[in-house]
mmCIF file of all heavy atoms, coordinates in Angstrom:
data_MODEL
# 
_entry.id   MODEL 
# 
loop_
_atom_site.group_PDB 
_atom_site.id 
_atom_site.type_symbol 
_atom_site.label_atom_id 
_atom_site.label_alt_id 
_atom_site.label_comp_id 
_atom_site.label_asym_id 
_atom_site.label_entity_id 
_atom_site.label_seq_id 
_atom_site.pdbx_PDB_ins_code 
_atom_site.Cartn_x 
_atom_site.Cartn_y 
_atom_site.Cartn_z 
_atom_site.occupancy 
_atom_site.B_iso_or_equiv 
_atom_site.pdbx_formal_charge 
_atom_site.auth_seq_id 
_atom_site.auth_comp_id 
_atom_site.auth_asym_id 
_atom_site.auth_atom_id 
_atom_site.pdbx_PDB_model_num 
ATOM 1   N N   . LEU A 1 1  ? -76.607  -3.895 11.312 1.00 0.00 ? 1  LEU A N   1 
ATOM 2   C CA  . LEU A 1 1  ? -78.011  -4.182 11.038 1.00 0.00 ? 1  LEU A CA  1 
ATOM 3   C C   . LEU A 1 1  ? -78.594  -3.065 10.193 1.00 0.00 ? 1  LEU A C   1 
ATOM 4   O O   . LEU A 1 1  ? -78.463  -1.884 10.524 1.00 0.00 ? 1  LEU A O   1 
ATOM 5   C CB  . LEU A 1 1  ? -78.797  -4.293 12.350 1.00 0.00 ? 1  LEU A CB  1 
ATOM 6   C CG  . LEU A 1 1  ? -80.320  -4.435 12.246 1.00 0.00 ? 1  LEU A CG  1 
ATOM 7   C CD1 . LEU A 1 1  ? -80.691  -5.732 11.527 1.00 0.00 ? 1  LEU A CD1 1 
ATOM 8   C CD2 . LEU A 1 1  ? -80.952  -4.390 13.636 1.00 0.00 ? 1  LEU A CD2 1 
ATOM 9   N N   . ALA A 1 2  ? -79.229  -3.427 9.076  1.00 0.00 ? 2  ALA A N   1 
ATOM 10  C CA  . ALA A 1 2  ? -79.900  -2.463 8.200  1.00 0.00 ? 2  ALA A CA  1 
ATOM 11  C C   . ALA A 1 2  ? -81.366  -2.846 8.087  1.00 0.00 ? 2  ALA A C   1 
ATOM 12  O O   . ALA A 1 2  ? -81.693  -4.006 7.794  1.00 0.00 ? 2  ALA A O   1 
ATOM 13  C CB  . ALA A 1 2  ? -79.242  -2.439 6.815  1.00 0.00 ? 2  ALA A CB  1 
ATOM 14  N N   . LEU A 1 3  ? -82.245  -1.878 8.332  1.00 0.00 ? 3  LEU A N   1 
ATOM 15  C CA  . LEU A 1 3  ? -83.688  -2.102 8.303  1.00 0.00 ? 3  LEU A CA  1 
ATOM 16  C C   . LEU A 1 3  ? -84.346  -1.183 7.295  1.00 0.00 ? 3  LEU A C   1 
ATOM 17  O O   . LEU A 1 3  ? -83.994  -0.005 7.194  1.00 0.00 ? 3  LEU A O   1 
ATOM 18  C CB  . LEU A 1 3  ? -84.302  -1.828 9.685  1.00 0.00 ? 3  LEU A CB  1 
ATOM 19  C CG  . LEU A 1 3  ? -83.830  -2.675 10.846 1.00 0.00 ? 3  LEU A CG  1 
ATOM 20  C CD1 . LEU A 1 3  ? -84.506  -2.200 12.134 1.00 0.00 ? 3  LEU A CD1 1 
ATOM 21  C CD2 . LEU A 1 3  ? -84.118  -4.159 10.608 1.00 0.00 ? 3  LEU A CD2 1 
ATOM 22  N N   . LYS A 1 4  ? -85.324  -1.731 6.579  1.00 0.00 ? 4  LYS A N   1 
ATOM 23  C CA  . LYS A 1 4  ? -86.127  -0.934 5.654  1.00 0.00 ? 4  LYS A CA  1 
ATOM 24  C C   . LYS A 1 4  ? -87.545  -0.855 6.192  1.00 0.00 ? 4  LYS A C   1 
ATOM 25  O O   . LYS A 1 4  ? -88.134  -1.865 6.563  1.00 0.00 ? 4  LYS A O   1 
ATOM 26  C CB  . LYS A 1 4  ? -86.112  -1.569 4.271  1.00 0.00 ? 4  LYS A CB  1 
ATOM 27  C CG  . LYS A 1 4  ? -86.988  -0.863 3.238  1.00 0.00 ? 4  LYS A CG  1 
ATOM 28  C CD  . LYS A 1 4  ? -86.596  -1.269 1.837  1.00 0.00 ? 4  LYS A CD  1 
ATOM 29  C CE  . LYS A 1 4  ? -86.660  -2.739 1.604  1.00 0.00 ? 4  LYS A CE  1 
ATOM 30  N NZ  . LYS A 1 4  ? -86.027  -3.175 0.362  1.00 0.00 ? 4  LYS A NZ  1 
ATOM 31  N N   . PHE A 1 5  ? -88.109  0.359  6.228  1.00 0.00 ? 5  PHE A N   1 
ATOM 32  C CA  . PHE A 1 5  ? -89.461  0.559  6.735  1.00 0.00 ? 5  PHE A CA  1 
ATOM 33  C C   . PHE A 1 5  ? -90.466  0.500  5.585  1.00 0.00 ? 5  PHE A C   1 
ATOM 34  O O   . PHE A 1 5  ? -90.294  1.156  4.555  1.00 0.00 ? 5  PHE A O   1 
ATOM 35  C CB  . PHE A 1 5  ? -89.564  1.892  7.468  1.00 0.00 ? 5  PHE A CB  1 
ATOM 36  C CG  . PHE A 1 5  ? -88.874  1.883  8.806  1.00 0.00 ? 5  PHE A CG  1 
ATOM 37  C CD1 . PHE A 1 5  ? -87.537  2.223  8.918  1.00 0.00 ? 5  PHE A CD1 1 
ATOM 38  C CD2 . PHE A 1 5  ? -89.554  1.503  9.950  1.00 0.00 ? 5  PHE A CD2 1 
ATOM 39  C CE1 . PHE A 1 5  ? -86.885  2.199  10.145 1.00 0.00 ? 5  PHE A CE1 1 
ATOM 40  C CE2 . PHE A 1 5  ? -88.922  1.473  11.190 1.00 0.00 ? 5  PHE A CE2 1 
ATOM 41  C CZ  . PHE A 1 5  ? -87.585  1.821  11.287 1.00 0.00 ? 5  PHE A CZ  1 
ATOM 42  N N   . LEU A 1 6  ? -91.529  -0.268 5.807  1.00 0.00 ? 6  LEU A N   1 
ATOM 43  C CA  . LEU A 1 6  ? -92.566  -0.472 4.795  1.00 0.00 ? 6  LEU A CA  1 
ATOM 44  C C   . LEU A 1 6  ? -93.943  -0.156 5.383  1.00 0.00 ? 6  LEU A C   1 
ATOM 45  O O   . LEU A 1 6  ? -94.151  -0.277 6.588  1.00 0.00 ? 6  LEU A O   1 
ATOM 46  C CB  . LEU A 1 6  ? -92.562  -1.921 4.309  1.00 0.00 ? 6  LEU A CB  1 
ATOM 47  C CG  . LEU A 1 6  ? -91.244  -2.474 3.753  1.00 0.00 ? 6  LEU A CG  1 
ATOM 48  C CD1 . LEU A 1 6  ? -91.340  -3.985 3.589  1.00 0.00 ? 6  LEU A CD1 1 
ATOM 49  C CD2 . LEU A 1 6  ? -90.900  -1.819 2.425  1.00 0.00 ? 6  LEU A CD2 1 
ATOM 50  N N   . TYR A 1 7  ? -94.871  0.210  4.510  1.00 0.00 ? 7  TYR A N   1 
ATOM 51  C CA  . TYR A 1 7  ? -96.274  0.418  4.872  1.00 0.00 ? 7  TYR A CA  1 
ATOM 52  C C   . TYR A 1 7  ? -96.443  1.485  5.959  1.00 0.00 ? 7  TYR A C   1 
ATOM 53  O O   . TYR A 1 7  ? -97.194  1.304  6.917  1.00 0.00 ? 7  TYR A O   1 
ATOM 54  C CB  . TYR A 1 7  ? -96.923  -0.903 5.317  1.00 0.00 ? 7  TYR A CB  1 
ATOM 55  C CG  . TYR A 1 7  ? -96.672  -2.042 4.376  1.00 0.00 ? 7  TYR A CG  1 
ATOM 56  C CD1 . TYR A 1 7  ? -96.074  -3.216 4.815  1.00 0.00 ? 7  TYR A CD1 1 
ATOM 57  C CD2 . TYR A 1 7  ? -97.015  -1.942 3.030  1.00 0.00 ? 7  TYR A CD2 1 
ATOM 58  C CE1 . TYR A 1 7  ? -95.828  -4.267 3.942  1.00 0.00 ? 7  TYR A CE1 1 
ATOM 59  C CE2 . TYR A 1 7  ? -96.770  -2.993 2.148  1.00 0.00 ? 7  TYR A CE2 1 
ATOM 60  C CZ  . TYR A 1 7  ? -96.177  -4.151 2.610  1.00 0.00 ? 7  TYR A CZ  1 
ATOM 61  O OH  . TYR A 1 7  ? -95.923  -5.186 1.742  1.00 0.00 ? 7  TYR A OH  1 
ATOM 62  N N   . GLN A 1 8  ? -95.736  2.596  5.801  1.00 0.00 ? 8  GLN A N   1 
ATOM 63  C CA  . GLN A 1 8  ? -95.866  3.701  6.755  1.00 0.00 ? 8  GLN A CA  1 
ATOM 64  C C   . GLN A 1 8  ? -97.144  4.469  6.470  1.00 0.00 ? 8  GLN A C   1 
ATOM 65  O O   . GLN A 1 8  ? -97.295  5.082  5.417  1.00 0.00 ? 8  GLN A O   1 
ATOM 66  C CB  . GLN A 1 8  ? -94.658  4.627  6.668  1.00 0.00 ? 8  GLN A CB  1 
ATOM 67  C CG  . GLN A 1 8  ? -94.723  5.798  7.643  1.00 0.00 ? 8  GLN A CG  1 
ATOM 68  C CD  . GLN A 1 8  ? -93.550  6.731  7.499  1.00 0.00 ? 8  GLN A CD  1 
ATOM 69  O OE1 . GLN A 1 8  ? -92.510  6.351  6.924  1.00 0.00 ? 8  GLN A OE1 1 
ATOM 70  N NE2 . GLN A 1 8  ? -93.673  7.946  8.001  1.00 0.00 ? 8  GLN A NE2 1 
ATOM 71  N N   . GLY A 1 9  ? -98.077  4.447  7.404  1.00 0.00 ? 9  GLY A N   1 
ATOM 72  C CA  . GLY A 1 9  ? -99.351  5.103  7.213  1.00 0.00 ? 9  GLY A CA  1 
ATOM 73  C C   . GLY A 1 9  ? -99.314  6.575  7.565  1.00 0.00 ? 9  GLY A C   1 
ATOM 74  O O   . GLY A 1 9  ? -98.279  7.137  7.917  1.00 0.00 ? 9  GLY A O   1 
ATOM 75  N N   . GLY A 1 10 ? -100.471 7.209  7.465  1.00 0.00 ? 10 GLY A N   1 
ATOM 76  C CA  . GLY A 1 10 ? -100.590 8.613  7.841  1.00 0.00 ? 10 GLY A CA  1 
ATOM 77  C C   . GLY A 1 10 ? -99.932  9.551  6.846  1.00 0.00 ? 10 GLY A C   1 
ATOM 78  O O   . GLY A 1 10 ? -99.670  9.206  5.702  1.00 0.00 ? 10 GLY A O   1 
ATOM 79  N N   . GLN A 1 11 ? -99.642  10.722 7.337  1.00 0.00 ? 11 GLN A N   1 
ATOM 80  C CA  . GLN A 1 11 ? -99.059  11.787 6.506  1.00 0.00 ? 11 GLN A CA  1 
ATOM 81  C C   . GLN A 1 11 ? -97.897  12.384 7.286  1.00 0.00 ? 11 GLN A C   1 
ATOM 82  O O   . GLN A 1 11 ? -97.922  13.516 7.724  1.00 0.00 ? 11 GLN A O   1 
ATOM 83  C CB  . GLN A 1 11 ? -100.136 12.844 6.221  1.00 0.00 ? 11 GLN A CB  1 
ATOM 84  C CG  . GLN A 1 11 ? -99.721  13.900 5.217  1.00 0.00 ? 11 GLN A CG  1 
ATOM 85  C CD  . GLN A 1 11 ? -100.873 14.828 4.879  1.00 0.00 ? 11 GLN A CD  1 
ATOM 86  O OE1 . GLN A 1 11 ? -102.021 14.411 4.879  1.00 0.00 ? 11 GLN A OE1 1 
ATOM 87  N NE2 . GLN A 1 11 ? -100.570 16.083 4.617  1.00 0.00 ? 11 GLN A NE2 1 
ATOM 88  N N   . THR A 1 12 ? -96.890  11.556 7.475  1.00 0.00 ? 12 THR A N   1 
ATOM 89  C CA  . THR A 1 12 ? -95.789  11.897 8.374  1.00 0.00 ? 12 THR A CA  1 
ATOM 90  C C   . THR A 1 12 ? -94.458  11.468 7.774  1.00 0.00 ? 12 THR A C   1 
ATOM 91  O O   . THR A 1 12 ? -94.408  10.828 6.723  1.00 0.00 ? 12 THR A O   1 
ATOM 92  C CB  . THR A 1 12 ? -95.964  11.191 9.727  1.00 0.00 ? 12 THR A CB  1 
ATOM 93  O OG1 . THR A 1 12 ? -95.986  9.777  9.507  1.00 0.00 ? 12 THR A OG1 1 
ATOM 94  C CG2 . THR A 1 12 ? -97.246  11.616 10.423 1.00 0.00 ? 12 THR A CG2 1 
ATOM 95  N N   . GLU A 1 13 ? -93.377  11.776 8.503  1.00 0.00 ? 13 GLU A N   1 
ATOM 96  C CA  . GLU A 1 13 ? -92.039  11.364 8.109  1.00 0.00 ? 13 GLU A CA  1 
ATOM 97  C C   . GLU A 1 13 ? -91.309  10.798 9.307  1.00 0.00 ? 13 GLU A C   1 
ATOM 98  O O   . GLU A 1 13 ? -91.367  11.373 10.394 1.00 0.00 ? 13 GLU A O   1 
ATOM 99  C CB  . GLU A 1 13 ? -91.267  12.562 7.538  1.00 0.00 ? 13 GLU A CB  1 
ATOM 100 C CG  . GLU A 1 13 ? -91.872  13.094 6.253  1.00 0.00 ? 13 GLU A CG  1 
ATOM 101 C CD  . GLU A 1 13 ? -91.447  14.517 5.953  1.00 0.00 ? 13 GLU A CD  1 
ATOM 102 O OE1 . GLU A 1 13 ? -90.508  15.006 6.605  1.00 0.00 ? 13 GLU A OE1 1 
ATOM 103 O OE2 . GLU A 1 13 ? -92.075  15.143 5.083  1.00 0.00 ? 13 GLU A OE2 1 
ATOM 104 N N   . ILE A 1 14 ? -90.647  9.661  9.116  1.00 0.00 ? 14 ILE A N   1 
ATOM 105 C CA  . ILE A 1 14 ? -89.760  9.128  10.154 1.00 0.00 ? 14 ILE A CA  1 
ATOM 106 C C   . ILE A 1 14 ? -88.429  9.853  10.036 1.00 0.00 ? 14 ILE A C   1 
ATOM 107 O O   . ILE A 1 14 ? -87.762  9.771  9.004  1.00 0.00 ? 14 ILE A O   1 
ATOM 108 C CB  . ILE A 1 14 ? -89.566  7.610  9.986  1.00 0.00 ? 14 ILE A CB  1 
ATOM 109 C CG1 . ILE A 1 14 ? -90.890  6.873  10.169 1.00 0.00 ? 14 ILE A CG1 1 
ATOM 110 C CG2 . ILE A 1 14 ? -88.533  7.086  10.978 1.00 0.00 ? 14 ILE A CG2 1 
ATOM 111 C CD1 . ILE A 1 14 ? -90.813  5.386  9.865  1.00 0.00 ? 14 ILE A CD1 1 
ATOM 112 N N   . VAL A 1 15 ? -88.051  10.568 11.076 1.00 0.00 ? 15 VAL A N   1 
ATOM 113 C CA  . VAL A 1 15 ? -86.823  11.363 11.002 1.00 0.00 ? 15 VAL A CA  1 
ATOM 114 C C   . VAL A 1 15 ? -85.790  10.950 12.055 1.00 0.00 ? 15 VAL A C   1 
ATOM 115 O O   . VAL A 1 15 ? -84.715  11.532 12.129 1.00 0.00 ? 15 VAL A O   1 
ATOM 116 C CB  . VAL A 1 15 ? -87.135  12.872 11.138 1.00 0.00 ? 15 VAL A CB  1 
ATOM 117 C CG1 . VAL A 1 15 ? -87.918  13.363 9.929  1.00 0.00 ? 15 VAL A CG1 1 
ATOM 118 C CG2 . VAL A 1 15 ? -87.909  13.170 12.419 1.00 0.00 ? 15 VAL A CG2 1 
ATOM 119 N N   . GLY A 1 16 ? -86.106  9.957  12.862 1.00 0.00 ? 16 GLY A N   1 
ATOM 120 C CA  . GLY A 1 16 ? -85.154  9.448  13.840 1.00 0.00 ? 16 GLY A CA  1 
ATOM 121 C C   . GLY A 1 16 ? -85.542  8.048  14.263 1.00 0.00 ? 16 GLY A C   1 
ATOM 122 O O   . GLY A 1 16 ? -86.727  7.732  14.378 1.00 0.00 ? 16 GLY A O   1 
ATOM 123 N N   . VAL A 1 17 ? -84.542  7.181  14.469 1.00 0.00 ? 17 VAL A N   1 
ATOM 124 C CA  . VAL A 1 17 ? -84.795  5.800  14.890 1.00 0.00 ? 17 VAL A CA  1 
ATOM 125 C C   . VAL A 1 17 ? -83.777  5.413  15.955 1.00 0.00 ? 17 VAL A C   1 
ATOM 126 O O   . VAL A 1 17 ? -82.573  5.634  15.783 1.00 0.00 ? 17 VAL A O   1 
ATOM 127 C CB  . VAL A 1 17 ? -84.689  4.813  13.700 1.00 0.00 ? 17 VAL A CB  1 
ATOM 128 C CG1 . VAL A 1 17 ? -84.947  3.376  14.177 1.00 0.00 ? 17 VAL A CG1 1 
ATOM 129 C CG2 . VAL A 1 17 ? -85.656  5.195  12.588 1.00 0.00 ? 17 VAL A CG2 1 
ATOM 130 N N   . ASP A 1 18 ? -84.265  4.827  17.065 1.00 0.00 ? 18 ASP A N   1 
ATOM 131 C CA  . ASP A 1 18 ? -83.427  4.233  18.095 1.00 0.00 ? 18 ASP A CA  1 
ATOM 132 C C   . ASP A 1 18 ? -83.743  2.751  18.180 1.00 0.00 ? 18 ASP A C   1 
ATOM 133 O O   . ASP A 1 18 ? -84.864  2.325  17.888 1.00 0.00 ? 18 ASP A O   1 
ATOM 134 C CB  . ASP A 1 18 ? -83.712  4.873  19.452 1.00 0.00 ? 18 ASP A CB  1 
ATOM 135 C CG  . ASP A 1 18 ? -82.738  5.992  19.789 1.00 0.00 ? 18 ASP A CG  1 
ATOM 136 O OD1 . ASP A 1 18 ? -81.973  6.389  18.891 1.00 0.00 ? 18 ASP A OD1 1 
ATOM 137 O OD2 . ASP A 1 18 ? -82.752  6.474  20.937 1.00 0.00 ? 18 ASP A OD2 1 
ATOM 138 N N   . ILE A 1 19 ? -82.778  1.959  18.638 1.00 0.00 ? 19 ILE A N   1 
ATOM 139 C CA  . ILE A 1 19 ? -82.964  0.524  18.763 1.00 0.00 ? 19 ILE A CA  1 
ATOM 140 C C   . ILE A 1 19 ? -82.377  0.045  20.082 1.00 0.00 ? 19 ILE A C   1 
ATOM 141 O O   . ILE A 1 19 ? -81.373  0.593  20.561 1.00 0.00 ? 19 ILE A O   1 
ATOM 142 C CB  . ILE A 1 19 ? -82.324  -0.218 17.563 1.00 0.00 ? 19 ILE A CB  1 
ATOM 143 C CG1 . ILE A 1 19 ? -82.726  -1.685 17.552 1.00 0.00 ? 19 ILE A CG1 1 
ATOM 144 C CG2 . ILE A 1 19 ? -80.797  -0.048 17.553 1.00 0.00 ? 19 ILE A CG2 1 
ATOM 145 C CD1 . ILE A 1 19 ? -82.389  -2.400 16.245 1.00 0.00 ? 19 ILE A CD1 1 
ATOM 146 N N   . ALA A 1 20 ? -83.018  -0.931 20.701 1.00 0.00 ? 20 ALA A N   1 
ATOM 147 C CA  . ALA A 1 20 ? -82.527  -1.494 21.961 1.00 0.00 ? 20 ALA A CA  1 
ATOM 148 C C   . ALA A 1 20 ? -83.051  -2.913 22.100 1.00 0.00 ? 20 ALA A C   1 
ATOM 149 O O   . ALA A 1 20 ? -84.033  -3.308 21.457 1.00 0.00 ? 20 ALA A O   1 
ATOM 150 C CB  . ALA A 1 20 ? -82.984  -0.647 23.153 1.00 0.00 ? 20 ALA A CB  1 
ATOM 151 N N   . GLN A 1 21 ? -82.397  -3.677 22.952 1.00 0.00 ? 21 GLN A N   1 
ATOM 152 C CA  . GLN A 1 21 ? -82.911  -4.998 23.295 1.00 0.00 ? 21 GLN A CA  1 
ATOM 153 C C   . GLN A 1 21 ? -84.220  -4.832 24.046 1.00 0.00 ? 21 GLN A C   1 
ATOM 154 O O   . GLN A 1 21 ? -84.395  -3.876 24.820 1.00 0.00 ? 21 GLN A O   1 
ATOM 155 C CB  . GLN A 1 21 ? -81.889  -5.740 24.153 1.00 0.00 ? 21 GLN A CB  1 
ATOM 156 C CG  . GLN A 1 21 ? -82.220  -7.194 24.393 1.00 0.00 ? 21 GLN A CG  1 
ATOM 157 C CD  . GLN A 1 21 ? -81.144  -7.895 25.218 1.00 0.00 ? 21 GLN A CD  1 
ATOM 158 O OE1 . GLN A 1 21 ? -81.230  -7.944 26.442 1.00 0.00 ? 21 GLN A OE1 1 
ATOM 159 N NE2 . GLN A 1 21 ? -80.126  -8.424 24.533 1.00 0.00 ? 21 GLN A NE2 1 
ATOM 160 N N   . VAL A 1 22 ? -85.166  -5.721 23.806 1.00 0.00 ? 22 VAL A N   1 
ATOM 161 C CA  . VAL A 1 22 ? -86.443  -5.657 24.512 1.00 0.00 ? 22 VAL A CA  1 
ATOM 162 C C   . VAL A 1 22 ? -86.196  -5.710 26.020 1.00 0.00 ? 22 VAL A C   1 
ATOM 163 O O   . VAL A 1 22 ? -85.444  -6.546 26.513 1.00 0.00 ? 22 VAL A O   1 
ATOM 164 C CB  . VAL A 1 22 ? -87.361  -6.828 24.084 1.00 0.00 ? 22 VAL A CB  1 
ATOM 165 C CG1 . VAL A 1 22 ? -88.600  -6.904 24.977 1.00 0.00 ? 22 VAL A CG1 1 
ATOM 166 C CG2 . VAL A 1 22 ? -87.770  -6.664 22.627 1.00 0.00 ? 22 VAL A CG2 1 
ATOM 167 N N   . GLY A 1 23 ? -86.798  -4.768 26.737 1.00 0.00 ? 23 GLY A N   1 
ATOM 168 C CA  . GLY A 1 23 ? -86.638  -4.689 28.186 1.00 0.00 ? 23 GLY A CA  1 
ATOM 169 C C   . GLY A 1 23 ? -85.479  -3.835 28.639 1.00 0.00 ? 23 GLY A C   1 
ATOM 170 O O   . GLY A 1 23 ? -85.346  -3.546 29.835 1.00 0.00 ? 23 GLY A O   1 
ATOM 171 N N   . SER A 1 24 ? -84.633  -3.393 27.707 1.00 0.00 ? 24 SER A N   1 
ATOM 172 C CA  . SER A 1 24 ? -83.467  -2.580 28.051 1.00 0.00 ? 24 SER A CA  1 
ATOM 173 C C   . SER A 1 24 ? -83.766  -1.101 27.832 1.00 0.00 ? 24 SER A C   1 
ATOM 174 O O   . SER A 1 24 ? -84.556  -0.734 26.963 1.00 0.00 ? 24 SER A O   1 
ATOM 175 C CB  . SER A 1 24 ? -82.260  -2.984 27.194 1.00 0.00 ? 24 SER A CB  1 
ATOM 176 O OG  . SER A 1 24 ? -81.189  -2.090 27.378 1.00 0.00 ? 24 SER A OG  1 
ATOM 177 N N   . SER A 1 25 ? -83.118  -0.240 28.610 1.00 0.00 ? 25 SER A N   1 
ATOM 178 C CA  . SER A 1 25 ? -83.215  1.205  28.415 1.00 0.00 ? 25 SER A CA  1 
ATOM 179 C C   . SER A 1 25 ? -81.934  1.763  27.799 1.00 0.00 ? 25 SER A C   1 
ATOM 180 O O   . SER A 1 25 ? -81.726  2.973  27.758 1.00 0.00 ? 25 SER A O   1 
ATOM 181 C CB  . SER A 1 25 ? -83.492  1.905  29.754 1.00 0.00 ? 25 SER A CB  1 
ATOM 182 O OG  . SER A 1 25 ? -82.450  1.621  30.690 1.00 0.00 ? 25 SER A OG  1 
# 
């Protein structure tokens, strides 16, 4: 799975991403 992030507001940087099934830890 490849995701592209769009419309990132503020004045920040995304430097880490985790993914999980909804409801899962």
